[in-house]
Amino acid sequence: MRRLLAFGGGLLSGAALGTLLALLFTPASGEAMRQGLRARYHHALAAGRAAAEQKRQELEAQLALMSGVTLTQPAPRQNPPNTRTR
């Protein structure tokens, strides 16, 4: 467990350092950089949600095989409306 936490800490600190260096040395304008970062963030968020959903389905299938219990499907998660204004 300790090795996993150390790896996660190193991964997060490396990502933060890489982001900082990219922001400092990029030739893009501030607005273009913000739009690009926003797009990458939303893409990463969508990919993470898709991976989580796939893993959830795999684990539910394993549970059903091992115990014979089938879980009911929850209603699809709705994304909250974007209420953020600029």
PDB file of N, CA and C in Angstrom:
ATOM      1  N   MET A   1       0.827  -1.180   0.000  1.00  0.00           N
ATOM      2  CA  MET A   1       0.000   0.000   0.000  1.00  0.00           C
ATOM      3  C   MET A   1       0.879   1.254   0.000  1.00  0.00           C
ATOM      4  N   ARG A   2       1.955   1.201   0.754  1.00  0.00           N
ATOM      5  CA  ARG A   2       2.853   2.351   0.851  1.00  0.00           C
ATOM      6  C   ARG A   2       3.497   2.652  -0.497  1.00  0.00           C
ATOM      7  N   ARG A   3       3.853   1.603  -1.227  1.00  0.00           N
ATOM      8  CA  ARG A   3       4.461   1.801  -2.542  1.00  0.00           C
ATOM      9  C   ARG A   3       3.459   2.431  -3.518  1.00  0.00           C
ATOM     10  N   LEU A   4       2.203   2.019  -3.398  1.00  0.00           N
ATOM     11  CA  LEU A   4       1.163   2.580  -4.266  1.00  0.00           C
ATOM     12  C   LEU A   4       0.957   4.059  -3.958  1.00  0.00           C
ATOM     13  N   LEU A   5       0.944   4.414  -2.695  1.00  0.00           N
ATOM     14  CA  LEU A   5       0.802   5.826  -2.320  1.00  0.00           C
ATOM     15  C   LEU A   5       2.001   6.647  -2.779  1.00  0.00           C
ATOM     16  N   ALA A   6       3.193   6.094  -2.656  1.00  0.00           N
ATOM     17  CA  ALA A   6       4.391   6.792  -3.129  1.00  0.00           C
ATOM     18  C   ALA A   6       4.346   6.979  -4.639  1.00  0.00           C
ATOM     19  N   PHE A   7       3.906   5.960  -5.344  1.00  0.00           N
ATOM     20  CA  PHE A   7       3.770   6.077  -6.794  1.00  0.00           C
ATOM     21  C   PHE A   7       2.755   7.148  -7.156  1.00  0.00           C
ATOM     22  N   GLY A   8       1.599   7.143  -6.485  1.00  0.00           N
ATOM     23  CA  GLY A   8       0.560   8.147  -6.747  1.00  0.00           C
ATOM     24  C   GLY A   8       1.049   9.556  -6.447  1.00  0.00           C
ATOM     25  N   GLY A   9       1.777   9.716  -5.365  1.00  0.00           N
ATOM     26  CA  GLY A   9       2.332  11.027  -5.031  1.00  0.00           C
ATOM     27  C   GLY A   9       3.342  11.488  -6.063  1.00  0.00           C
ATOM     28  N   GLY A  10       4.181  10.581  -6.517  1.00  0.00           N
ATOM     29  CA  GLY A  10       5.146  10.923  -7.557  1.00  0.00           C
ATOM     30  C   GLY A  10       4.472  11.253  -8.868  1.00  0.00           C
ATOM     31  N   LEU A  11       3.421  10.519  -9.178  1.00  0.00           N
ATOM     32  CA  LEU A  11       2.671  10.777 -10.405  1.00  0.00           C
ATOM     33  C   LEU A  11       2.017  12.155 -10.358  1.00  0.00           C
ATOM     34  N   LEU A  12       1.384  12.483  -9.255  1.00  0.00           N
ATOM     35  CA  LEU A  12       0.733  13.786  -9.124  1.00  0.00           C
ATOM     36  C   LEU A  12       1.739  14.932  -9.128  1.00  0.00           C
ATOM     37  N   SER A  13       2.839  14.771  -8.421  1.00  0.00           N
ATOM     38  CA  SER A  13       3.826  15.854  -8.402  1.00  0.00           C
ATOM     39  C   SER A  13       4.485  16.011  -9.773  1.00  0.00           C
ATOM     40  N   GLY A  14       4.715  14.919 -10.482  1.00  0.00           N
ATOM     41  CA  GLY A  14       5.264  14.997 -11.832  1.00  0.00           C
ATOM     42  C   GLY A  14       4.302  15.671 -12.798  1.00  0.00           C
ATOM     43  N   ALA A  15       3.017  15.371 -12.656  1.00  0.00           N
ATOM     44  CA  ALA A  15       2.016  16.004 -13.513  1.00  0.00           C
ATOM     45  C   ALA A  15       1.931  17.495 -13.218  1.00  0.00           C
ATOM     46  N   ALA A  16       1.979  17.859 -11.949  1.00  0.00           N
ATOM     47  CA  ALA A  16       1.921  19.280 -11.589  1.00  0.00           C
ATOM     48  C   ALA A  16       3.148  20.022 -12.118  1.00  0.00           C
ATOM     49  N   LEU A  17       4.310  19.429 -11.978  1.00  0.00           N
ATOM     50  CA  LEU A  17       5.537  20.059 -12.474  1.00  0.00           C
ATOM     51  C   LEU A  17       5.507  20.184 -13.997  1.00  0.00           C
ATOM     52  N   GLY A  18       5.058  19.153 -14.679  1.00  0.00           N
ATOM     53  CA  GLY A  18       4.949  19.194 -16.134  1.00  0.00           C
ATOM     54  C   GLY A  18       3.972  20.257 -16.602  1.00  0.00           C
ATOM     55  N   THR A  19       2.852  20.386 -15.899  1.00  0.00           N
ATOM     56  CA  THR A  19       1.872  21.415 -16.241  1.00  0.00           C
ATOM     57  C   THR A  19       2.457  22.797 -16.041  1.00  0.00           C
ATOM     58  N   LEU A  20       3.142  23.001 -14.943  1.00  0.00           N
ATOM     59  CA  LEU A  20       3.756  24.294 -14.667  1.00  0.00           C
ATOM     60  C   LEU A  20       4.788  24.654 -15.732  1.00  0.00           C
ATOM     61  N   LEU A  21       5.635  23.711 -16.100  1.00  0.00           N
ATOM     62  CA  LEU A  21       6.641  23.969 -17.130  1.00  0.00           C
ATOM     63  C   LEU A  21       6.004  24.242 -18.488  1.00  0.00           C
ATOM     64  N   ALA A  22       4.946  23.515 -18.796  1.00  0.00           N
ATOM     65  CA  ALA A  22       4.256  23.752 -20.066  1.00  0.00           C
ATOM     66  C   ALA A  22       3.645  25.144 -20.093  1.00  0.00           C
ATOM     67  N   LEU A  23       3.085  25.571 -18.981  1.00  0.00           N
ATOM     68  CA  LEU A  23       2.496  26.911 -18.919  1.00  0.00           C
ATOM     69  C   LEU A  23       3.559  27.999 -19.025  1.00  0.00           C
ATOM     70  N   LEU A  24       4.717  27.751 -18.464  1.00  0.00           N
ATOM     71  CA  LEU A  24       5.772  28.761 -18.488  1.00  0.00           C
ATOM     72  C   LEU A  24       6.436  28.887 -19.856  1.00  0.00           C
ATOM     73  N   PHE A  25       6.565  27.798 -20.577  1.00  0.00           N
ATOM     74  CA  PHE A  25       7.342  27.810 -21.803  1.00  0.00           C
ATOM     75  C   PHE A  25       6.522  27.685 -23.080  1.00  0.00           C
ATOM     76  N   THR A  26       5.229  27.784 -22.988  1.00  0.00           N
ATOM     77  CA  THR A  26       4.405  27.628 -24.185  1.00  0.00           C
ATOM     78  C   THR A  26       4.331  28.928 -24.985  1.00  0.00           C
ATOM     79  N   PRO A  27       4.290  28.830 -26.300  1.00  0.00           N
ATOM     80  CA  PRO A  27       4.192  30.038 -27.112  1.00  0.00           C
ATOM     81  C   PRO A  27       2.754  30.490 -27.346  1.00  0.00           C
ATOM     82  N   ALA A  28       1.753  29.763 -26.851  1.00  0.00           N
ATOM     83  CA  ALA A  28       0.347  30.105 -27.090  1.00  0.00           C
ATOM     84  C   ALA A  28      -0.083  31.278 -26.213  1.00  0.00           C
ATOM     85  N   SER A  29      -1.108  31.992 -26.682  1.00  0.00           N
ATOM     86  CA  SER A  29      -1.647  33.098 -25.901  1.00  0.00           C
ATOM     87  C   SER A  29      -2.412  32.558 -24.693  1.00  0.00           C
ATOM     88  N   GLY A  30      -2.718  33.433 -23.773  1.00  0.00           N
ATOM     89  CA  GLY A  30      -3.416  33.013 -22.556  1.00  0.00           C
ATOM     90  C   GLY A  30      -4.781  32.416 -22.835  1.00  0.00           C
ATOM     91  N   GLU A  31      -5.556  33.064 -23.701  1.00  0.00           N
ATOM     92  CA  GLU A  31      -6.900  32.561 -24.011  1.00  0.00           C
ATOM     93  C   GLU A  31      -6.832  31.229 -24.754  1.00  0.00           C
ATOM     94  N   ALA A  32      -5.920  31.120 -25.704  1.00  0.00           N
ATOM     95  CA  ALA A  32      -5.767  29.859 -26.433  1.00  0.00           C
ATOM     96  C   ALA A  32      -5.321  28.748 -25.487  1.00  0.00           C
ATOM     97  N   MET A  33      -4.439  29.081 -24.557  1.00  0.00           N
ATOM     98  CA  MET A  33      -3.973  28.091 -23.587  1.00  0.00           C
ATOM     99  C   MET A  33      -5.127  27.631 -22.694  1.00  0.00           C
ATOM    100  N   ARG A  34      -5.934  28.568 -22.233  1.00  0.00           N
ATOM    101  CA  ARG A  34      -7.064  28.207 -21.370  1.00  0.00           C
ATOM    102  C   ARG A  34      -8.065  27.322 -22.123  1.00  0.00           C
ATOM    103  N   GLN A  35      -8.339  27.646 -23.369  1.00  0.00           N
ATOM    104  CA  GLN A  35      -9.259  26.834 -24.150  1.00  0.00           C
ATOM    105  C   GLN A  35      -8.699  25.432 -24.362  1.00  0.00           C
ATOM    106  N   GLY A  36      -7.412  25.348 -24.665  1.00  0.00           N
ATOM    107  CA  GLY A  36      -6.786  24.047 -24.853  1.00  0.00           C
ATOM    108  C   GLY A  36      -6.785  23.217 -23.583  1.00  0.00           C
ATOM    109  N   LEU A  37      -6.465  23.854 -22.471  1.00  0.00           N
ATOM    110  CA  LEU A  37      -6.466  23.136 -21.193  1.00  0.00           C
ATOM    111  C   LEU A  37      -7.873  22.697 -20.813  1.00  0.00           C
ATOM    112  N   ARG A  38      -8.851  23.549 -21.073  1.00  0.00           N
ATOM    113  CA  ARG A  38     -10.245  23.214 -20.776  1.00  0.00           C
ATOM    114  C   ARG A  38     -10.682  22.004 -21.615  1.00  0.00           C
ATOM    115  N   ALA A  39     -10.320  22.004 -22.896  1.00  0.00           N
ATOM    116  CA  ALA A  39     -10.686  20.888 -23.765  1.00  0.00           C
ATOM    117  C   ALA A  39     -10.009  19.595 -23.308  1.00  0.00           C
ATOM    118  N   ARG A  40      -8.731  19.685 -22.953  1.00  0.00           N
ATOM    119  CA  ARG A  40      -8.015  18.494 -22.474  1.00  0.00           C
ATOM    120  C   ARG A  40      -8.613  17.990 -21.163  1.00  0.00           C
ATOM    121  N   TYR A  41      -9.007  18.920 -20.289  1.00  0.00           N
ATOM    122  CA  TYR A  41      -9.622  18.539 -19.016  1.00  0.00           C
ATOM    123  C   TYR A  41     -10.929  17.790 -19.262  1.00  0.00           C
ATOM    124  N   HIS A  42     -11.767  18.328 -20.138  1.00  0.00           N
ATOM    125  CA  HIS A  42     -13.050  17.682 -20.402  1.00  0.00           C
ATOM    126  C   HIS A  42     -12.853  16.328 -21.083  1.00  0.00           C
ATOM    127  N   HIS A  43     -11.857  16.226 -21.955  1.00  0.00           N
ATOM    128  CA  HIS A  43     -11.566  14.950 -22.600  1.00  0.00           C
ATOM    129  C   HIS A  43     -11.100  13.923 -21.560  1.00  0.00           C
ATOM    130  N   ALA A  44     -10.213  14.340 -20.673  1.00  0.00           N
ATOM    131  CA  ALA A  44      -9.716  13.431 -19.631  1.00  0.00           C
ATOM    132  C   ALA A  44     -10.845  13.017 -18.691  1.00  0.00           C
ATOM    133  N   LEU A  45     -11.727  13.957 -18.373  1.00  0.00           N
ATOM    134  CA  LEU A  45     -12.859  13.654 -17.502  1.00  0.00           C
ATOM    135  C   LEU A  45     -13.787  12.632 -18.161  1.00  0.00           C
ATOM    136  N   ALA A  46     -14.067  12.816 -19.438  1.00  0.00           N
ATOM    137  CA  ALA A  46     -14.923  11.875 -20.159  1.00  0.00           C
ATOM    138  C   ALA A  46     -14.266  10.501 -20.245  1.00  0.00           C
ATOM    139  N   ALA A  47     -12.962  10.468 -20.502  1.00  0.00           N
ATOM    140  CA  ALA A  47     -12.254   9.190 -20.579  1.00  0.00           C
ATOM    141  C   ALA A  47     -12.261   8.485 -19.224  1.00  0.00           C
ATOM    142  N   GLY A  48     -12.091   9.243 -18.155  1.00  0.00           N
ATOM    143  CA  GLY A  48     -12.135   8.656 -16.813  1.00  0.00           C
ATOM    144  C   GLY A  48     -13.500   8.096 -16.482  1.00  0.00           C
ATOM    145  N   ARG A  49     -14.541   8.818 -16.852  1.00  0.00           N
ATOM    146  CA  ARG A  49     -15.904   8.319 -16.605  1.00  0.00           C
ATOM    147  C   ARG A  49     -16.178   7.058 -17.409  1.00  0.00           C
ATOM    148  N   ALA A  50     -15.720   7.033 -18.661  1.00  0.00           N
ATOM    149  CA  ALA A  50     -15.925   5.842 -19.495  1.00  0.00           C
ATOM    150  C   ALA A  50     -15.177   4.649 -18.909  1.00  0.00           C
ATOM    151  N   ALA A  51     -13.952   4.865 -18.458  1.00  0.00           N
ATOM    152  CA  ALA A  51     -13.174   3.781 -17.863  1.00  0.00           C
ATOM    153  C   ALA A  51     -13.823   3.287 -16.577  1.00  0.00           C
ATOM    154  N   ALA A  52     -14.343   4.214 -15.774  1.00  0.00           N
ATOM    155  CA  ALA A  52     -15.007   3.829 -14.527  1.00  0.00           C
ATOM    156  C   ALA A  52     -16.268   3.012 -14.817  1.00  0.00           C
ATOM    157  N   GLU A  53     -17.023   3.427 -15.818  1.00  0.00           N
ATOM    158  CA  GLU A  53     -18.236   2.696 -16.176  1.00  0.00           C
ATOM    159  C   GLU A  53     -17.896   1.292 -16.677  1.00  0.00           C
ATOM    160  N   GLN A  54     -16.858   1.188 -17.494  1.00  0.00           N
ATOM    161  CA  GLN A  54     -16.450  -0.117 -18.006  1.00  0.00           C
ATOM    162  C   GLN A  54     -16.005  -1.023 -16.853  1.00  0.00           C
ATOM    163  N   LYS A  55     -15.224  -0.480 -15.931  1.00  0.00           N
ATOM    164  CA  LYS A  55     -14.754  -1.281 -14.794  1.00  0.00           C
ATOM    165  C   LYS A  55     -15.914  -1.699 -13.904  1.00  0.00           C
ATOM    166  N   ARG A  56     -16.889  -0.780 -13.716  1.00  0.00           N
ATOM    167  CA  ARG A  56     -18.059  -1.109 -12.899  1.00  0.00           C
ATOM    168  C   ARG A  56     -18.813  -2.286 -13.515  1.00  0.00           C
ATOM    169  N   GLN A  57     -18.982  -2.257 -14.844  1.00  0.00           N
ATOM    170  CA  GLN A  57     -19.680  -3.344 -15.517  1.00  0.00           C
ATOM    171  C   GLN A  57     -18.916  -4.659 -15.392  1.00  0.00           C
ATOM    172  N   GLU A  58     -17.594  -4.601 -15.500  1.00  0.00           N
ATOM    173  CA  GLU A  58     -16.782  -5.811 -15.340  1.00  0.00           C
ATOM    174  C   GLU A  58     -16.933  -6.380 -13.931  1.00  0.00           C
ATOM    175  N   LEU A  59     -16.885  -5.508 -12.932  1.00  0.00           N
ATOM    176  CA  LEU A  59     -16.988  -5.975 -11.552  1.00  0.00           C
ATOM    177  C   LEU A  59     -18.379  -6.521 -11.253  1.00  0.00           C
ATOM    178  N   GLU A  60     -19.417  -5.897 -11.800  1.00  0.00           N
ATOM    179  CA  GLU A  60     -20.764  -6.417 -11.602  1.00  0.00           C
ATOM    180  C   GLU A  60     -20.922  -7.783 -12.259  1.00  0.00           C
ATOM    181  N   ALA A  61     -20.308  -7.965 -13.422  1.00  0.00           N
ATOM    182  CA  ALA A  61     -20.374  -9.264 -14.088  1.00  0.00           C
ATOM    183  C   ALA A  61     -19.651 -10.327 -13.254  1.00  0.00           C
ATOM    184  N   GLN A  62     -18.507  -9.972 -12.687  1.00  0.00           N
ATOM    185  CA  GLN A  62     -17.780 -10.912 -11.830  1.00  0.00           C
ATOM    186  C   GLN A  62     -18.601 -11.245 -10.591  1.00  0.00           C
ATOM    187  N   LEU A  63     -19.253 -10.260 -10.004  1.00  0.00           N
ATOM    188  CA  LEU A  63     -20.098 -10.493  -8.829  1.00  0.00           C
ATOM    189  C   LEU A  63     -21.249 -11.429  -9.174  1.00  0.00           C
ATOM    190  N   ALA A  64     -21.855 -11.199 -10.332  1.00  0.00           N
ATOM    191  CA  ALA A  64     -22.970 -12.051 -10.747  1.00  0.00           C
ATOM    192  C   ALA A  64     -22.511 -13.491 -10.947  1.00  0.00           C
ATOM    193  N   LEU A  65     -21.319 -13.676 -11.516  1.00  0.00           N
ATOM    194  CA  LEU A  65     -20.805 -15.034 -11.720  1.00  0.00           C
ATOM    195  C   LEU A  65     -20.479 -15.715 -10.397  1.00  0.00           C
ATOM    196  N   MET A  66     -19.905 -14.961  -9.470  1.00  0.00           N
ATOM    197  CA  MET A  66     -19.465 -15.554  -8.206  1.00  0.00           C
ATOM    198  C   MET A  66     -20.612 -15.780  -7.236  1.00  0.00           C
ATOM    199  N   SER A  67     -21.607 -14.906  -7.234  1.00  0.00           N
ATOM    200  CA  SER A  67     -22.646 -15.002  -6.217  1.00  0.00           C
ATOM    201  C   SER A  67     -24.019 -15.319  -6.776  1.00  0.00           C
ATOM    202  N   GLY A  68     -24.193 -15.158  -8.065  1.00  0.00           N
ATOM    203  CA  GLY A  68     -25.510 -15.382  -8.646  1.00  0.00           C
ATOM    204  C   GLY A  68     -26.436 -14.198  -8.454  1.00  0.00           C
ATOM    205  N   VAL A  69     -25.923 -13.096  -7.922  1.00  0.00           N
ATOM    206  CA  VAL A  69     -26.725 -11.902  -7.682  1.00  0.00           C
ATOM    207  C   VAL A  69     -26.545 -10.956  -8.861  1.00  0.00           C
ATOM    208  N   THR A  70     -27.656 -10.505  -9.412  1.00  0.00           N
ATOM    209  CA  THR A  70     -27.605  -9.548 -10.505  1.00  0.00           C
ATOM    210  C   THR A  70     -28.047  -8.194  -9.977  1.00  0.00           C
ATOM    211  N   LEU A  71     -27.220  -7.204 -10.188  1.00  0.00           N
ATOM    212  CA  LEU A  71     -27.555  -5.861  -9.745  1.00  0.00           C
ATOM    213  C   LEU A  71     -28.436  -5.187 -10.774  1.00  0.00           C
ATOM    214  N   THR A  72     -29.349  -4.352 -10.294  1.00  0.00           N
ATOM    215  CA  THR A  72     -30.194  -3.603 -11.227  1.00  0.00           C
ATOM    216  C   THR A  72     -29.401  -2.443 -11.779  1.00  0.00           C
ATOM    217  N   GLN A  73     -29.705  -2.053 -12.986  1.00  0.00           N
ATOM    218  CA  GLN A  73     -29.005  -0.944 -13.624  1.00  0.00           C
ATOM    219  C   GLN A  73     -29.569   0.373 -13.096  1.00  0.00           C
ATOM    220  N   PRO A  74     -28.691   1.262 -12.594  1.00  0.00           N
ATOM    221  CA  PRO A  74     -29.166   2.574 -12.152  1.00  0.00           C
ATOM    222  C   PRO A  74     -29.505   3.425 -13.374  1.00  0.00           C
ATOM    223  N   ALA A  75     -30.285   4.459 -13.127  1.00  0.00           N
ATOM    224  CA  ALA A  75     -30.612   5.392 -14.201  1.00  0.00           C
ATOM    225  C   ALA A  75     -29.332   6.046 -14.692  1.00  0.00           C
ATOM    226  N   PRO A  76     -29.238   6.335 -15.988  1.00  0.00           N
ATOM    227  CA  PRO A  76     -28.030   6.986 -16.499  1.00  0.00           C
ATOM    228  C   PRO A  76     -27.784   8.302 -15.788  1.00  0.00           C
ATOM    229  N   ARG A  77     -26.528   8.538 -15.492  1.00  0.00           N
ATOM    230  CA  ARG A  77     -26.153   9.755 -14.776  1.00  0.00           C
ATOM    231  C   ARG A  77     -26.230  10.944 -15.714  1.00  0.00           C
ATOM    232  N   GLN A  78     -26.926  11.957 -15.284  1.00  0.00           N
ATOM    233  CA  GLN A  78     -27.041  13.178 -16.064  1.00  0.00           C
ATOM    234  C   GLN A  78     -25.994  14.162 -15.591  1.00  0.00           C
ATOM    235  N   ASN A  79     -25.297  14.771 -16.536  1.00  0.00           N
ATOM    236  CA  ASN A  79     -24.330  15.804 -16.182  1.00  0.00           C
ATOM    237  C   ASN A  79     -25.081  17.065 -15.796  1.00  0.00           C
ATOM    238  N   PRO A  80     -24.672  17.733 -14.717  1.00  0.00           N
ATOM    239  CA  PRO A  80     -25.359  18.968 -14.341  1.00  0.00           C
ATOM    240  C   PRO A  80     -25.150  20.033 -15.414  1.00  0.00           C
ATOM    241  N   PRO A  81     -26.131  20.904 -15.583  1.00  0.00           N
ATOM    242  CA  PRO A  81     -25.958  21.951 -16.596  1.00  0.00           C
ATOM    243  C   PRO A  81     -24.799  22.850 -16.218  1.00  0.00           C
ATOM    244  N   ASN A  82     -24.153  23.379 -17.212  1.00  0.00           N
ATOM    245  CA  ASN A  82     -23.013  24.268 -16.998  1.00  0.00           C
ATOM    246  C   ASN A  82     -23.548  25.645 -16.599  1.00  0.00           C
ATOM    247  N   THR A  83     -23.489  25.941 -15.313  1.00  0.00           N
ATOM    248  CA  THR A  83     -24.013  27.213 -14.820  1.00  0.00           C
ATOM    249  C   THR A  83     -22.914  28.233 -14.644  1.00  0.00           C
ATOM    250  N   ARG A  84     -21.717  27.866 -14.969  1.00  0.00           N
ATOM    251  CA  ARG A  84     -20.579  28.770 -14.806  1.00  0.00           C
ATOM    252  C   ARG A  84     -20.617  29.851 -15.876  1.00  0.00           C
ATOM    253  N   THR A  85     -20.451  31.080 -15.454  1.00  0.00           N
ATOM    254  CA  THR A  85     -20.428  32.187 -16.402  1.00  0.00           C
ATOM    255  C   THR A  85     -19.051  32.792 -16.395  1.00  0.00           C
ATOM    256  N   ARG A  86     -18.721  33.434 -17.509  1.00  0.00           N
ATOM    257  CA  ARG A  86     -17.406  34.060 -17.572  1.00  0.00           C
ATOM    258  C   ARG A  86     -17.522  35.545 -17.485  1.00  0.00           C
TER     259      ARG A  86
END
